Amino acid sequence: MIVIGRNLSPFTRRVVLSLSVLGLPFERRELGTATHMDAIRRVNPLGRVPAVTLDDGTVLIESSAILDHLDELVGPERALTPPSGANRRRVLRHCALLTGAMDKAVVAYYERTRRPAEMVYAPAVEGNERQVADGLAAAEAERPDAEGGWLLGSMRPTQADLTALVALPFLRIVLPHLVEPGRHPRLEALVARRGPEVPGFVETDPTP
């Protein structure tokens, strides 16, 4: 498999962490939408990352679809998202809160940084940042403890945990005022205590 996308993209990073945790071989092409759009479009017509090229040439796009394929490859016993039941719904909800917050963070960041100052629409920034803050608060409330435990209390991370591990570092870069130290202690503990244990986490650190 070939993974296209930079570590700054939390959606790319959660795919890379998932591959690393599952022990699946892959190659990287660290292309960014700001600097390599033409090359990315040749693989994904939407010009978005991540994109994954499988061994047979099939291209998967959108991290959720890529992660679903990885779970199918390894089977239900090793899948990072439980195959059914209450635990599956719990993991999917947690992922939705965090990916939704990250999506809104991107919108707010672009509104702040990609327009001339006089054209920035403040209500759009405020509205999207409110959604980021509310999504993070809900995810924080769902974390199991202040010790950085895995969401389901198991011995290994789920996809919800890997998504949480990439969300906070990304938000510290693009919207640091929303993730000041001490604001999300359970998520912070997860990143600080569990992150270094996860294969690929340190190597994909997007901090400038």
C-alpha atoms as a PDB file:
ATOM      1  CA  MET A   1       0.000   0.000   0.000  1.00  0.00           C
ATOM      2  CA  ILE A   2       1.069   3.566  -0.678  1.00  0.00           C
ATOM      3  CA  VAL A   3      -0.236   6.296   1.658  1.00  0.00           C
ATOM      4  CA  ILE A   4      -0.424   9.796   0.223  1.00  0.00           C
ATOM      5  CA  GLY A   5      -0.549  12.755   2.601  1.00  0.00           C
ATOM      6  CA  ARG A   6       1.527  14.635   5.143  1.00  0.00           C
ATOM      7  CA  ASN A   7       1.643  14.065   8.881  1.00  0.00           C
ATOM      8  CA  LEU A   8       0.143  17.501   9.449  1.00  0.00           C
ATOM      9  CA  SER A   9      -3.121  16.061   8.157  1.00  0.00           C
ATOM     10  CA  PRO A  10      -4.658  14.289  11.167  1.00  0.00           C
ATOM     11  CA  PHE A  11      -6.747  12.196   8.797  1.00  0.00           C
ATOM     12  CA  THR A  12      -3.602  10.943   7.073  1.00  0.00           C
ATOM     13  CA  ARG A  13      -1.879  10.462  10.398  1.00  0.00           C
ATOM     14  CA  ARG A  14      -4.645   8.279  11.826  1.00  0.00           C
ATOM     15  CA  VAL A  15      -4.370   6.027   8.769  1.00  0.00           C
ATOM     16  CA  VAL A  16      -0.598   5.762   9.242  1.00  0.00           C
ATOM     17  CA  LEU A  17      -0.984   4.978  12.950  1.00  0.00           C
ATOM     18  CA  SER A  18      -3.604   2.343  12.172  1.00  0.00           C
ATOM     19  CA  LEU A  19      -1.346   0.655   9.638  1.00  0.00           C
ATOM     20  CA  SER A  20       1.527   0.728  12.128  1.00  0.00           C
ATOM     21  CA  VAL A  21      -0.547  -0.670  15.007  1.00  0.00           C
ATOM     22  CA  LEU A  22      -1.874  -3.454  12.780  1.00  0.00           C
ATOM     23  CA  GLY A  23       1.596  -4.254  11.440  1.00  0.00           C
ATOM     24  CA  LEU A  24       0.588  -3.830   7.806  1.00  0.00           C
ATOM     25  CA  PRO A  25       3.377  -2.866   5.374  1.00  0.00           C
ATOM     26  CA  PHE A  26       3.058   0.430   3.526  1.00  0.00           C
ATOM     27  CA  GLU A  27       4.993   3.173   1.763  1.00  0.00           C
ATOM     28  CA  ARG A  28       4.658   6.920   2.264  1.00  0.00           C
ATOM     29  CA  ARG A  29       4.370   9.766  -0.200  1.00  0.00           C
ATOM     30  CA  GLU A  30       4.233  12.860   1.957  1.00  0.00           C
ATOM     31  CA  LEU A  31       2.424  15.202  -0.399  1.00  0.00           C
ATOM     32  CA  GLY A  32       0.527  18.250   0.844  1.00  0.00           C
ATOM     33  CA  THR A  33      -2.467  19.936  -0.733  1.00  0.00           C
ATOM     34  CA  ALA A  34      -0.820  23.364  -0.471  1.00  0.00           C
ATOM     35  CA  THR A  35       2.261  22.372  -2.471  1.00  0.00           C
ATOM     36  CA  HIS A  36       1.519  19.187  -4.426  1.00  0.00           C
ATOM     37  CA  MET A  37      -2.077  19.578  -5.589  1.00  0.00           C
ATOM     38  CA  ASP A  38      -1.465  18.421  -9.160  1.00  0.00           C
ATOM     39  CA  ALA A  39       0.250  15.227  -8.000  1.00  0.00           C
ATOM     40  CA  ILE A  40      -2.510  14.518  -5.492  1.00  0.00           C
ATOM     41  CA  ARG A  41      -5.230  15.068  -8.107  1.00  0.00           C
ATOM     42  CA  ARG A  42      -3.633  12.446 -10.312  1.00  0.00           C
ATOM     43  CA  VAL A  43      -4.453   9.942  -7.578  1.00  0.00           C
ATOM     44  CA  ASN A  44      -7.572  11.474  -6.022  1.00  0.00           C
ATOM     45  CA  PRO A  45      -9.639  13.731  -8.301  1.00  0.00           C
ATOM     46  CA  LEU A  46     -10.905  15.586  -5.231  1.00  0.00           C
ATOM     47  CA  GLY A  47      -7.369  16.728  -4.493  1.00  0.00           C
ATOM     48  CA  ARG A  48      -7.643  15.630  -0.871  1.00  0.00           C
ATOM     49  CA  VAL A  49      -5.591  13.480   1.469  1.00  0.00           C
ATOM     50  CA  PRO A  50      -5.283  10.815   2.592  1.00  0.00           C
ATOM     51  CA  ALA A  51      -5.452   8.562  -0.400  1.00  0.00           C
ATOM     52  CA  VAL A  52      -4.207   4.980  -0.393  1.00  0.00           C
ATOM     53  CA  THR A  53      -3.193   2.993  -3.458  1.00  0.00           C
ATOM     54  CA  LEU A  54      -3.625  -0.744  -2.939  1.00  0.00           C
ATOM     55  CA  ASP A  55      -1.375  -3.398  -4.442  1.00  0.00           C
ATOM     56  CA  ASP A  56      -3.854  -4.016  -7.276  1.00  0.00           C
ATOM     57  CA  GLY A  57      -3.951  -0.318  -8.174  1.00  0.00           C
ATOM     58  CA  THR A  58      -7.280   0.441  -6.490  1.00  0.00           C
ATOM     59  CA  VAL A  59      -7.292   3.894  -4.886  1.00  0.00           C
ATOM     60  CA  LEU A  60      -9.164   4.416  -1.625  1.00  0.00           C
ATOM     61  CA  ILE A  61     -10.055   7.944  -0.519  1.00  0.00           C
ATOM     62  CA  GLU A  62     -11.352   9.387   2.759  1.00  0.00           C
ATOM     63  CA  SER A  63      -9.837   8.097   5.970  1.00  0.00           C
ATOM     64  CA  SER A  64     -13.021   6.381   7.169  1.00  0.00           C
ATOM     65  CA  ALA A  65     -13.213   4.249   4.003  1.00  0.00           C
ATOM     66  CA  ILE A  66      -9.498   3.448   4.204  1.00  0.00           C
ATOM     67  CA  LEU A  67      -9.776   2.409   7.858  1.00  0.00           C
ATOM     68  CA  ASP A  68     -12.798   0.243   7.093  1.00  0.00           C
ATOM     69  CA  HIS A  69     -10.690  -1.586   4.495  1.00  0.00           C
ATOM     70  CA  LEU A  70      -7.875  -2.124   6.996  1.00  0.00           C
ATOM     71  CA  ASP A  71     -10.309  -3.634   9.491  1.00  0.00           C
ATOM     72  CA  GLU A  72     -11.605  -5.947   6.792  1.00  0.00           C
ATOM     73  CA  LEU A  73      -8.048  -7.016   5.957  1.00  0.00           C
ATOM     74  CA  VAL A  74      -7.162  -8.025   9.519  1.00  0.00           C
ATOM     75  CA  GLY A  75     -10.547  -9.501  10.471  1.00  0.00           C
ATOM     76  CA  PRO A  76     -12.931  -8.788  13.363  1.00  0.00           C
ATOM     77  CA  GLU A  77     -10.616 -10.050  16.112  1.00  0.00           C
ATOM     78  CA  ARG A  78      -7.937  -7.470  15.295  1.00  0.00           C
ATOM     79  CA  ALA A  79     -10.113  -4.736  13.808  1.00  0.00           C
ATOM     80  CA  LEU A  80      -9.652  -1.318  15.400  1.00  0.00           C
ATOM     81  CA  THR A  81     -13.400  -0.667  15.258  1.00  0.00           C
ATOM     82  CA  PRO A  82     -15.536  -3.390  16.861  1.00  0.00           C
ATOM     83  CA  PRO A  83     -17.643  -5.185  14.249  1.00  0.00           C
ATOM     84  CA  SER A  84     -20.992  -4.798  16.025  1.00  0.00           C
ATOM     85  CA  GLY A  85     -22.871  -3.903  19.170  1.00  0.00           C
ATOM     86  CA  ALA A  86     -22.644  -1.148  21.753  1.00  0.00           C
ATOM     87  CA  ASN A  87     -18.858  -0.948  21.599  1.00  0.00           C
ATOM     88  CA  ARG A  88     -18.947  -0.354  17.861  1.00  0.00           C
ATOM     89  CA  ARG A  89     -21.445   2.481  18.321  1.00  0.00           C
ATOM     90  CA  ARG A  90     -19.341   3.948  21.125  1.00  0.00           C
ATOM     91  CA  VAL A  91     -16.163   3.933  19.043  1.00  0.00           C
ATOM     92  CA  LEU A  92     -17.903   5.379  15.981  1.00  0.00           C
ATOM     93  CA  ARG A  93     -19.497   8.164  18.033  1.00  0.00           C
ATOM     94  CA  HIS A  94     -16.157   9.113  19.570  1.00  0.00           C
ATOM     95  CA  CYS A  95     -14.531   9.163  16.133  1.00  0.00           C
ATOM     96  CA  ALA A  96     -17.361  11.303  14.767  1.00  0.00           C
ATOM     97  CA  LEU A  97     -16.950  13.887  17.534  1.00  0.00           C
ATOM     98  CA  LEU A  98     -13.226  14.158  16.914  1.00  0.00           C
ATOM     99  CA  THR A  99     -13.234  14.087  13.111  1.00  0.00           C
ATOM    100  CA  GLY A 100     -16.073  16.615  13.126  1.00  0.00           C
ATOM    101  CA  ALA A 101     -14.059  18.889  15.400  1.00  0.00           C
ATOM    102  CA  MET A 102     -11.022  18.562  13.134  1.00  0.00           C
ATOM    103  CA  ASP A 103     -13.075  19.310  10.020  1.00  0.00           C
ATOM    104  CA  LYS A 104     -14.429  22.476  11.620  1.00  0.00           C
ATOM    105  CA  ALA A 105     -10.946  23.434  12.788  1.00  0.00           C
ATOM    106  CA  VAL A 106      -9.732  23.346   9.194  1.00  0.00           C
ATOM    107  CA  VAL A 107     -12.599  25.618   8.101  1.00  0.00           C
ATOM    108  CA  ALA A 108     -11.916  28.088  10.911  1.00  0.00           C
ATOM    109  CA  TYR A 109      -8.178  28.050  10.246  1.00  0.00           C
ATOM    110  CA  TYR A 110      -8.628  28.717   6.541  1.00  0.00           C
ATOM    111  CA  GLU A 111     -11.067  31.544   7.240  1.00  0.00           C
ATOM    112  CA  ARG A 112      -8.526  33.121   9.582  1.00  0.00           C
ATOM    113  CA  THR A 113      -5.428  32.634   7.440  1.00  0.00           C
ATOM    114  CA  ARG A 114      -6.366  32.370   3.757  1.00  0.00           C
ATOM    115  CA  ARG A 115      -8.225  35.675   3.404  1.00  0.00           C
ATOM    116  CA  PRO A 116      -7.074  39.304   3.682  1.00  0.00           C
ATOM    117  CA  ALA A 117      -7.804  40.527   7.215  1.00  0.00           C
ATOM    118  CA  GLU A 118     -10.566  42.837   6.053  1.00  0.00           C
ATOM    119  CA  MET A 119     -12.390  39.940   4.372  1.00  0.00           C
ATOM    120  CA  VAL A 120     -12.352  37.483   7.274  1.00  0.00           C
ATOM    121  CA  TYR A 121     -15.940  36.733   8.270  1.00  0.00           C
ATOM    122  CA  ALA A 122     -15.804  36.714  12.056  1.00  0.00           C
ATOM    123  CA  PRO A 123     -19.167  34.953  12.609  1.00  0.00           C
ATOM    124  CA  ALA A 124     -17.940  32.012  10.489  1.00  0.00           C
ATOM    125  CA  VAL A 125     -14.758  31.754  12.535  1.00  0.00           C
ATOM    126  CA  GLU A 126     -16.668  31.963  15.805  1.00  0.00           C
ATOM    127  CA  GLY A 127     -19.299  29.451  14.725  1.00  0.00           C
ATOM    128  CA  ASN A 128     -16.798  26.871  13.568  1.00  0.00           C
ATOM    129  CA  GLU A 129     -14.613  27.340  16.624  1.00  0.00           C
ATOM    130  CA  ARG A 130     -17.666  26.842  18.827  1.00  0.00           C
ATOM    131  CA  GLN A 131     -18.284  23.507  17.101  1.00  0.00           C
ATOM    132  CA  VAL A 132     -14.652  22.525  17.635  1.00  0.00           C
ATOM    133  CA  ALA A 133     -14.840  23.412  21.327  1.00  0.00           C
ATOM    134  CA  ASP A 134     -18.155  21.610  21.855  1.00  0.00           C
ATOM    135  CA  GLY A 135     -16.990  18.497  20.017  1.00  0.00           C
ATOM    136  CA  LEU A 136     -13.805  18.344  22.070  1.00  0.00           C
ATOM    137  CA  ALA A 137     -15.719  18.866  25.315  1.00  0.00           C
ATOM    138  CA  ALA A 138     -18.026  15.977  24.441  1.00  0.00           C
ATOM    139  CA  ALA A 139     -15.083  13.737  23.547  1.00  0.00           C
ATOM    140  CA  GLU A 140     -13.292  14.712  26.756  1.00  0.00           C
ATOM    141  CA  ALA A 141     -16.367  13.723  28.775  1.00  0.00           C
ATOM    142  CA  GLU A 142     -16.403  10.305  27.098  1.00  0.00           C
ATOM    143  CA  ARG A 143     -12.798   9.445  27.923  1.00  0.00           C
ATOM    144  CA  PRO A 144     -12.671   6.725  30.609  1.00  0.00           C
ATOM    145  CA  ASP A 145     -10.279   8.333  33.101  1.00  0.00           C
ATOM    146  CA  ALA A 146      -7.635  10.973  33.718  1.00  0.00           C
ATOM    147  CA  GLU A 147      -4.839   8.426  33.400  1.00  0.00           C
ATOM    148  CA  GLY A 148      -4.987   8.166  29.621  1.00  0.00           C
ATOM    149  CA  GLY A 149      -6.774   4.823  29.494  1.00  0.00           C
ATOM    150  CA  TRP A 150      -8.112   3.351  26.267  1.00  0.00           C
ATOM    151  CA  LEU A 151     -11.743   4.141  25.549  1.00  0.00           C
ATOM    152  CA  LEU A 152     -13.046   0.592  25.982  1.00  0.00           C
ATOM    153  CA  GLY A 153     -10.707  -0.251  28.842  1.00  0.00           C
ATOM    154  CA  SER A 154      -8.995  -2.925  26.777  1.00  0.00           C
ATOM    155  CA  MET A 155      -5.298  -3.714  26.484  1.00  0.00           C
ATOM    156  CA  ARG A 156      -5.048  -2.150  23.036  1.00  0.00           C
ATOM    157  CA  PRO A 157      -6.293   1.014  21.359  1.00  0.00           C
ATOM    158  CA  THR A 158      -9.403   1.251  19.230  1.00  0.00           C
ATOM    159  CA  GLN A 159      -9.833   3.573  16.278  1.00  0.00           C
ATOM    160  CA  ALA A 160     -11.412   6.061  18.690  1.00  0.00           C
ATOM    161  CA  ASP A 161      -8.167   6.178  20.661  1.00  0.00           C
ATOM    162  CA  LEU A 162      -5.982   6.600  17.596  1.00  0.00           C
ATOM    163  CA  THR A 163      -8.224   9.397  16.349  1.00  0.00           C
ATOM    164  CA  ALA A 164      -8.003  11.099  19.736  1.00  0.00           C
ATOM    165  CA  LEU A 165      -4.221  10.775  19.649  1.00  0.00           C
ATOM    166  CA  VAL A 166      -3.986  12.735  16.388  1.00  0.00           C
ATOM    167  CA  ALA A 167      -6.710  15.301  17.113  1.00  0.00           C
ATOM    168  CA  LEU A 168      -5.138  17.172  20.013  1.00  0.00           C
ATOM    169  CA  PRO A 169      -1.662  17.609  18.446  1.00  0.00           C
ATOM    170  CA  PHE A 170      -3.285  18.899  15.244  1.00  0.00           C
ATOM    171  CA  LEU A 171      -5.454  21.389  17.098  1.00  0.00           C
ATOM    172  CA  ARG A 172      -2.452  22.611  19.076  1.00  0.00           C
ATOM    173  CA  ILE A 173      -0.984  23.697  15.744  1.00  0.00           C
ATOM    174  CA  VAL A 174      -4.000  25.253  13.998  1.00  0.00           C
ATOM    175  CA  LEU A 175      -6.170  26.542  16.890  1.00  0.00           C
ATOM    176  CA  PRO A 176      -3.957  26.533  20.002  1.00  0.00           C
ATOM    177  CA  HIS A 177      -6.221  28.913  21.927  1.00  0.00           C
ATOM    178  CA  LEU A 178      -8.920  26.204  22.003  1.00  0.00           C
ATOM    179  CA  VAL A 179      -6.654  23.533  23.505  1.00  0.00           C
ATOM    180  CA  GLU A 180      -4.721  25.404  26.166  1.00  0.00           C
ATOM    181  CA  PRO A 181      -3.019  23.134  28.730  1.00  0.00           C
ATOM    182  CA  GLY A 182      -5.388  21.843  31.392  1.00  0.00           C
ATOM    183  CA  ARG A 183      -8.518  22.375  29.319  1.00  0.00           C
ATOM    184  CA  HIS A 184      -8.873  18.714  28.273  1.00  0.00           C
ATOM    185  CA  PRO A 185      -6.997  16.747  30.945  1.00  0.00           C
ATOM    186  CA  ARG A 186      -8.181  13.295  29.875  1.00  0.00           C
ATOM    187  CA  LEU A 187      -7.275  13.823  26.230  1.00  0.00           C
ATOM    188  CA  GLU A 188      -3.996  15.418  27.281  1.00  0.00           C
ATOM    189  CA  ALA A 189      -3.167  12.397  29.450  1.00  0.00           C
ATOM    190  CA  LEU A 190      -3.926  10.064  26.572  1.00  0.00           C
ATOM    191  CA  VAL A 191      -1.539  11.903  24.241  1.00  0.00           C
ATOM    192  CA  ALA A 192       1.225  12.308  26.814  1.00  0.00           C
ATOM    193  CA  ARG A 193       1.117   8.843  28.390  1.00  0.00           C
ATOM    194  CA  ARG A 194      -0.164   6.535  25.688  1.00  0.00           C
ATOM    195  CA  GLY A 195       0.974   8.269  22.525  1.00  0.00           C
ATOM    196  CA  PRO A 196       4.658   7.288  22.789  1.00  0.00           C
ATOM    197  CA  GLU A 197       3.592   3.633  23.230  1.00  0.00           C
ATOM    198  CA  VAL A 198       1.776   3.563  19.897  1.00  0.00           C
ATOM    199  CA  PRO A 199       3.824   2.463  16.862  1.00  0.00           C
ATOM    200  CA  GLY A 200       4.400   5.391  14.522  1.00  0.00           C
ATOM    201  CA  PHE A 201       3.184   8.082  16.927  1.00  0.00           C
ATOM    202  CA  VAL A 202       6.554   9.684  17.647  1.00  0.00           C
ATOM    203  CA  GLU A 203       7.775   9.261  14.065  1.00  0.00           C
ATOM    204  CA  THR A 204       4.750  11.091  12.647  1.00  0.00           C
ATOM    205  CA  ASP A 205       4.775  14.014  15.092  1.00  0.00           C
ATOM    206  CA  PRO A 206       3.611  17.002  12.998  1.00  0.00           C
ATOM    207  CA  THR A 207       4.922  19.684  15.379  1.00  0.00           C
ATOM    208  CA  PRO A 208       6.857  22.287  13.371  1.00  0.00           C
END
